[in-house]
Protein backbone atom coordinates (compact mmCIF):
# COMPACT_ATOMS: atom_id res chain seq x y z
CA MET A 1 0.00 0.00 0.00
CA ARG A 2 1.29 3.46 -0.84
CA LEU A 3 2.03 5.61 2.18
CA ARG A 4 -0.23 8.32 0.81
CA ASP A 5 -3.14 5.87 0.96
CA MET A 6 -2.39 5.18 4.63
CA ILE A 7 -2.35 8.74 5.85
CA SER A 8 -5.96 9.80 6.33
CA ARG A 9 -9.28 8.59 5.05
CA ARG A 10 -10.60 12.10 5.41
CA ALA A 11 -7.93 14.03 3.56
CA ALA A 12 -7.44 14.49 -0.17
CA LEU A 13 -3.75 13.85 -0.54
CA GLY A 14 -2.89 15.07 -4.00
CA GLY A 15 -0.66 17.98 -2.93
CA ALA A 16 2.54 18.50 -1.02
CA ALA A 17 3.02 20.75 1.98
CA ALA A 18 3.07 24.48 1.31
CA LEU A 19 6.43 25.23 2.83
CA LEU A 20 7.18 28.47 4.60
CA GLY A 21 10.91 27.98 4.90
CA ALA A 22 13.57 25.98 6.68
CA ALA A 23 15.19 28.48 9.01
CA THR A 24 18.01 27.41 11.25
CA LEU A 25 16.80 27.29 14.83
CA GLY A 26 18.64 28.15 17.98
CA ALA A 27 18.18 26.30 21.23
CA ALA A 28 15.50 28.74 22.40
CA ARG A 29 13.53 29.30 19.21
CA ALA A 30 10.63 27.86 17.29
CA ALA A 31 9.87 28.50 13.66
CA PRO A 32 7.18 27.61 11.11
CA VAL A 33 8.17 25.00 8.53
CA ALA A 34 4.92 24.16 6.71
CA THR A 35 1.24 24.89 6.34
CA LEU A 36 -1.34 22.19 5.69
CA GLY A 37 -4.48 24.11 4.85
CA ALA A 38 -5.36 26.08 7.98
CA ARG A 39 -3.00 23.92 10.01
CA ARG A 40 0.39 25.39 10.83
CA ILE A 41 3.41 23.17 11.51
CA GLU A 42 6.31 24.50 13.54
CA VAL A 43 9.51 22.99 14.87
CA ALA A 44 10.85 23.93 18.30
CA SER A 45 14.37 23.02 19.38
CA ASP A 46 15.02 21.04 22.54
CA GLY A 47 18.73 21.66 22.07
CA GLY A 48 21.25 18.98 21.15
CA PHE A 49 24.24 16.97 22.26
CA SER A 50 27.21 14.98 20.97
CA LEU A 51 27.40 11.21 20.55
CA PRO A 52 30.31 8.81 20.15
CA LEU A 53 30.79 8.01 16.47
CA GLY A 54 30.20 4.34 17.24
CA MET A 55 26.56 5.11 18.08
CA LEU A 56 25.92 5.96 14.44
CA ALA A 57 26.38 2.39 13.20
CA ARG A 58 26.43 -0.94 15.01
CA ASP A 59 28.83 -3.74 13.99
CA VAL A 60 30.32 -1.67 11.17
CA ALA A 61 34.07 -1.47 10.64
CA PRO A 62 35.35 1.96 11.77
CA GLU A 63 37.05 2.59 8.44
CA ALA A 64 33.77 1.97 6.58
CA LEU A 65 31.91 4.36 8.85
CA LEU A 66 34.55 7.06 8.49
CA ALA A 67 34.53 6.65 4.71
CA GLU A 68 30.76 7.17 4.55
CA LEU A 69 30.94 10.26 6.75
CA ALA A 70 33.80 11.71 4.72
CA ALA A 71 31.95 11.05 1.46
CA ALA A 72 29.00 13.01 2.84
CA GLY A 73 31.23 15.89 3.93
CA LEU A 74 30.54 15.26 7.62
CA SER A 75 32.85 15.25 10.61
CA THR A 76 34.85 12.08 11.18
CA GLU A 77 35.73 13.14 14.72
CA ARG A 78 32.40 13.73 16.44
CA ALA A 79 28.69 13.20 15.91
CA ALA A 80 26.40 16.03 16.93
CA THR A 81 22.64 15.60 17.03
CA VAL A 82 19.75 18.02 17.46
CA LEU A 83 16.27 17.52 18.93
CA ASN A 84 13.44 18.81 16.74
CA VAL A 85 10.04 18.85 18.45
CA THR A 86 7.03 19.27 16.14
CA LEU A 87 4.25 21.66 17.15
CA ILE A 88 0.91 21.57 15.33
CA ARG A 89 -1.21 24.71 15.57
CA ASP A 90 -4.90 24.37 14.79
CA GLY A 91 -5.97 27.89 15.61
CA GLU A 92 -5.65 28.16 19.39
CA GLU A 93 -5.43 24.37 19.82
CA LEU A 94 -1.93 22.96 20.06
CA THR A 95 -0.53 19.45 19.65
CA LEU A 96 3.06 18.45 20.38
CA ILE A 97 4.73 15.41 18.85
CA ASP A 98 7.24 14.35 21.50
CA CYS A 99 8.23 16.81 24.21
CA GLY A 100 11.98 16.75 24.61
CA ALA A 101 14.34 15.49 27.26
CA GLY A 102 13.55 17.64 30.25
CA GLY A 103 16.35 18.60 32.60
CA ASN A 104 17.67 15.19 33.63
CA PHE A 105 19.07 13.59 30.47
CA MET A 106 22.05 15.11 28.65
CA PRO A 107 23.81 18.48 28.87
CA GLY A 108 22.66 20.60 25.96
CA ALA A 109 19.17 19.08 25.84
CA GLY A 110 16.05 20.14 27.72
CA LYS A 111 15.65 23.50 25.96
CA LEU A 112 12.09 23.03 24.72
CA GLY A 113 10.57 25.22 27.43
CA GLU A 114 12.76 28.13 26.36
CA ALA A 115 11.82 27.62 22.72
CA LEU A 116 8.10 27.52 23.48
CA ASP A 117 8.36 30.61 25.66
CA ALA A 118 10.17 32.45 22.88
CA ALA A 119 7.37 31.45 20.49
CA GLY A 120 4.71 32.71 22.88
CA VAL A 121 3.26 29.25 23.44
CA ASP A 122 0.91 28.96 26.41
CA ARG A 123 1.49 25.43 27.68
CA ALA A 124 -2.03 25.34 29.08
CA LYS A 125 -3.26 25.46 25.45
CA VAL A 126 -1.44 22.26 24.50
CA LYS A 127 -4.33 19.85 24.14
CA ARG A 128 -2.37 16.67 23.50
CA VAL A 129 1.16 15.28 23.38
CA LEU A 130 1.81 12.39 20.99
CA PHE A 131 4.85 10.21 21.59
CA THR A 132 6.75 8.47 18.80
CA HIS A 133 8.46 6.34 21.47
CA ALA A 134 9.61 6.45 25.08
CA HIS A 135 13.34 7.16 24.86
CA PRO A 136 14.44 9.90 27.26
CA ASP A 137 14.93 12.67 24.70
CA HIS A 138 11.33 12.23 23.53
CA LEU A 139 9.48 11.45 26.78
CA TRP A 140 11.24 12.87 29.81
CA GLY A 141 10.12 16.45 29.10
CA ALA A 142 6.54 15.42 29.92
CA LEU A 143 7.15 16.29 33.58
CA ASP A 144 8.38 19.61 34.93
CA SER A 145 10.97 20.14 37.67
CA PHE A 146 8.28 19.49 40.29
CA ASP A 147 7.33 16.15 38.71
CA GLU A 148 4.02 17.60 37.58
CA ALA A 149 2.73 17.36 34.01
CA ALA A 150 4.55 20.03 32.00
CA TYR A 151 1.39 20.50 29.90
CA PRO A 152 -1.33 20.74 32.53
CA GLU A 153 -4.36 20.47 30.24
CA ALA A 154 -2.96 17.88 27.82
CA SER A 155 -3.66 14.23 27.30
CA PHE A 156 -0.64 12.06 26.50
CA HIS A 157 -0.77 9.41 23.76
CA ILE A 158 1.59 6.48 23.20
CA ALA A 159 1.37 3.25 21.22
CA ALA A 160 0.08 0.39 23.34
CA ALA A 161 3.06 -1.82 22.40
CA GLU A 162 5.49 0.91 23.48
CA ARG A 163 3.80 1.53 26.82
CA ASP A 164 3.48 -2.17 27.55
CA PHE A 165 7.16 -2.78 26.82
CA TRP A 166 8.49 -0.08 29.13
CA LEU A 167 6.04 -0.90 31.93
CA SER A 168 6.62 -4.66 31.78
CA ALA A 169 7.97 -6.26 34.94
CA ASP A 170 10.85 -7.89 33.03
CA VAL A 171 11.87 -4.89 30.91
CA LEU A 172 15.41 -4.81 32.33
CA SER A 173 16.06 -8.32 31.04
CA LYS A 174 15.29 -7.10 27.52
CA LEU A 175 17.72 -4.19 27.61
CA PRO A 176 21.51 -3.82 27.86
CA GLU A 177 22.66 -2.54 31.22
CA ASP A 178 23.41 0.93 29.88
CA ARG A 179 19.72 1.32 28.98
CA HIS A 180 18.34 0.41 32.42
CA ALA A 181 18.08 4.11 33.28
CA PHE A 182 15.90 4.56 30.19
CA ALA A 183 13.46 2.03 31.60
CA ALA A 184 13.49 3.54 35.09
CA GLY A 185 12.77 6.98 33.64
CA ALA A 186 10.02 5.75 31.33
CA GLN A 187 8.31 3.92 34.18
CA ARG A 188 8.53 6.91 36.49
CA ILE A 189 7.08 9.30 33.96
CA LEU A 190 4.36 7.08 32.56
CA LYS A 191 3.22 6.18 36.06
CA ALA A 192 3.28 9.82 37.15
CA LEU A 193 1.07 10.79 34.20
CA GLY A 194 -1.36 8.07 35.26
CA ASP A 195 -4.74 8.00 33.57
CA ARG A 196 -3.83 10.99 31.42
CA VAL A 197 -1.94 8.48 29.24
CA GLN A 198 -4.01 7.06 26.39
CA THR A 199 -2.87 4.25 24.11
CA PHE A 200 -3.45 3.53 20.45
CA ARG A 201 -2.41 1.07 17.77
CA PRO A 202 -0.72 1.83 14.44
CA GLY A 203 -3.25 2.89 11.83
CA ALA A 204 -5.34 4.82 14.33
CA GLU A 205 -6.22 8.47 13.84
CA VAL A 206 -4.87 9.67 17.17
CA ALA A 207 -5.91 13.29 16.62
CA PRO A 208 -7.87 14.97 13.83
CA GLY A 209 -5.84 14.46 10.65
CA VAL A 210 -2.98 12.70 12.48
CA VAL A 211 -2.51 8.97 11.79
CA ALA A 212 -0.02 6.68 13.55
CA LEU A 213 2.26 4.67 11.24
CA ASP A 214 3.99 1.48 12.37
CA THR A 215 7.75 2.11 12.37
CA ALA A 216 8.80 -0.41 15.03
CA GLY A 217 12.40 -1.54 15.39
CA HIS A 218 14.14 1.42 16.97
CA THR A 219 11.89 0.53 19.91
CA PRO A 220 9.18 -2.16 20.04
CA GLY A 221 6.29 0.27 19.63
CA HIS A 222 7.91 3.13 17.71
CA VAL A 223 5.51 5.04 15.46
CA ALA A 224 5.71 7.93 13.04
CA PHE A 225 2.78 10.29 12.51
CA ALA A 226 1.29 11.31 9.18
CA VAL A 227 -0.16 14.81 9.53
CA SER A 228 -2.70 16.01 6.96
CA GLY A 229 -4.67 19.13 6.21
CA GLY A 230 -5.86 21.15 3.24
CA GLY A 231 -5.14 18.31 0.82
CA ALA A 232 -1.45 18.13 1.84
CA SER A 233 0.53 15.92 4.18
CA LEU A 234 3.85 15.42 5.88
CA VAL A 235 5.27 12.67 8.10
CA VAL A 236 6.81 13.26 11.53
CA LEU A 237 9.40 10.49 11.73
CA GLY A 238 10.57 10.42 15.32
CA ASP A 239 13.70 8.24 15.21
CA ALA A 240 12.76 6.12 12.19
CA LEU A 241 15.43 8.07 10.27
CA THR A 242 18.05 9.83 12.36
CA HIS A 243 21.10 10.69 10.25
CA PRO A 244 21.18 12.84 7.10
CA ALA A 245 23.67 10.53 5.36
CA LEU A 246 23.72 7.09 6.95
CA SER A 247 19.96 6.60 7.37
CA PHE A 248 19.55 7.22 3.65
CA ARG A 249 22.79 5.97 2.05
CA ARG A 250 23.20 2.99 4.38
CA PRO A 251 19.78 2.10 5.80
CA ASP A 252 21.09 -1.44 6.24
CA TRP A 253 23.35 -0.22 9.04
CA ALA A 254 21.66 -0.46 12.42
CA THR A 255 22.33 2.37 14.85
CA GLY A 256 23.62 1.89 18.35
CA ALA A 257 20.20 2.92 19.67
CA ASP A 258 18.12 0.47 17.59
CA GLN A 259 16.66 -2.10 19.96
CA ASP A 260 15.81 -4.64 17.26
CA PRO A 261 18.46 -4.04 14.58
CA ALA A 262 16.96 -6.31 11.92
CA GLN A 263 13.48 -4.88 12.31
CA ALA A 264 14.81 -1.31 12.36
CA VAL A 265 16.66 -1.91 9.08
CA ALA A 266 13.56 -3.39 7.42
CA THR A 267 11.46 -0.49 8.68
CA ARG A 268 13.91 2.11 7.34
CA LYS A 269 14.01 0.57 3.87
CA LYS A 270 10.24 0.24 3.64
CA LEU A 271 9.68 3.76 4.93
CA LEU A 272 12.27 5.31 2.61
CA ASP A 273 10.76 3.58 -0.40
CA ARG A 274 7.32 4.93 0.43
CA LEU A 275 8.49 8.43 1.27
CA ALA A 276 10.43 8.67 -1.99
CA THR A 277 7.68 7.11 -4.11
CA ASP A 278 4.97 9.35 -2.69
CA ARG A 279 7.27 12.40 -2.56
CA LEU A 280 6.14 13.18 0.96
CA PRO A 281 7.94 15.78 3.06
CA PHE A 282 8.93 14.75 6.56
CA ILE A 283 10.36 16.07 9.81
CA GLY A 284 13.10 14.04 11.49
CA TYR A 285 13.69 14.48 15.21
CA HIS A 286 17.47 14.27 14.84
CA LEU A 287 17.94 15.49 11.27
CA PRO A 288 19.63 18.88 10.83
CA THR A 289 17.46 21.67 12.22
CA PRO A 290 14.59 22.03 11.55
CA GLY A 291 14.57 18.43 10.32
CA LEU A 292 12.42 19.11 7.25
CA GLY A 293 13.22 17.24 4.07
CA ARG A 294 12.38 14.65 1.45
CA ALA A 295 13.87 11.33 0.35
CA GLU A 296 14.98 10.59 -3.20
CA ALA A 297 16.00 7.23 -4.60
CA LYS A 298 19.65 7.25 -5.71
CA ASP A 299 22.12 4.55 -6.74
CA GLY A 300 20.26 1.68 -5.15
CA ALA A 301 19.67 3.57 -1.90
CA TRP A 302 18.33 7.04 -1.08
CA ARG A 303 19.52 10.53 -0.33
CA TYR A 304 18.24 13.23 2.00
CA LEU A 305 17.08 16.48 0.40
CA PRO A 306 16.81 19.19 3.05
CA GLY A 307 13.75 21.44 2.93
CA GLY A 308 10.36 20.66 1.52
């Protein structure tokens, strides 16, 4: 099935997003990236941090990794990543897709509050928060420094498979030791949010014109969201595609953060094929700010085209 046919039964999907620009964002800014009819899509920065190069590709010879980075004109000494949080404005009603890392994850992250303040966003007007998955840089910003919901009037939505995994009694046995803190944090936050957490399954319309797409592999219940309006659509990827070169040129390389490497690779290839075939714009959480781009088939793989 073509991705365009999966997006929304209510939307006419013949057009692409009407793009307003792809401005570079600072750590305390938010900027519009697209309009979908009356719906306005913005990206707010939660900051960023550096990763060891080895996190970019699992079980890949260092010389092969360095060669790919050099061919793409990227640093072969360090890997920097950014955190792009998507904000959907429907008039006065606001929806966030993911909500950043909060103040307890990595230095350089946790800047979403500053970005929303700079954009004049009243957090009491955020009606819902949709999670692509429950890794710290996507989930932990759901609570404020007092362990209260950072968005006091919002409901919080997560795939049932994702919630069930992180809340399972034996979750630690399914994770490497260096991810045990991820599980402890996910359990603390999901339990603190209590009955404000609602679950869904892939294929569901989780908000008007927002459909969850199955992109499992990075985590067991990872989803992307297809956002439609005014006859146009874009896809908010979460961590289904995370690197502007490797995710596209070498989708067969699992990342250090992929929980099920084989499934993550299969998901990436399937997703890239559909994005390129349907010429759909997307926003990647870790792609260069503001994460907006398209995929194009090239030389038996794909390439990332920044902007809409």
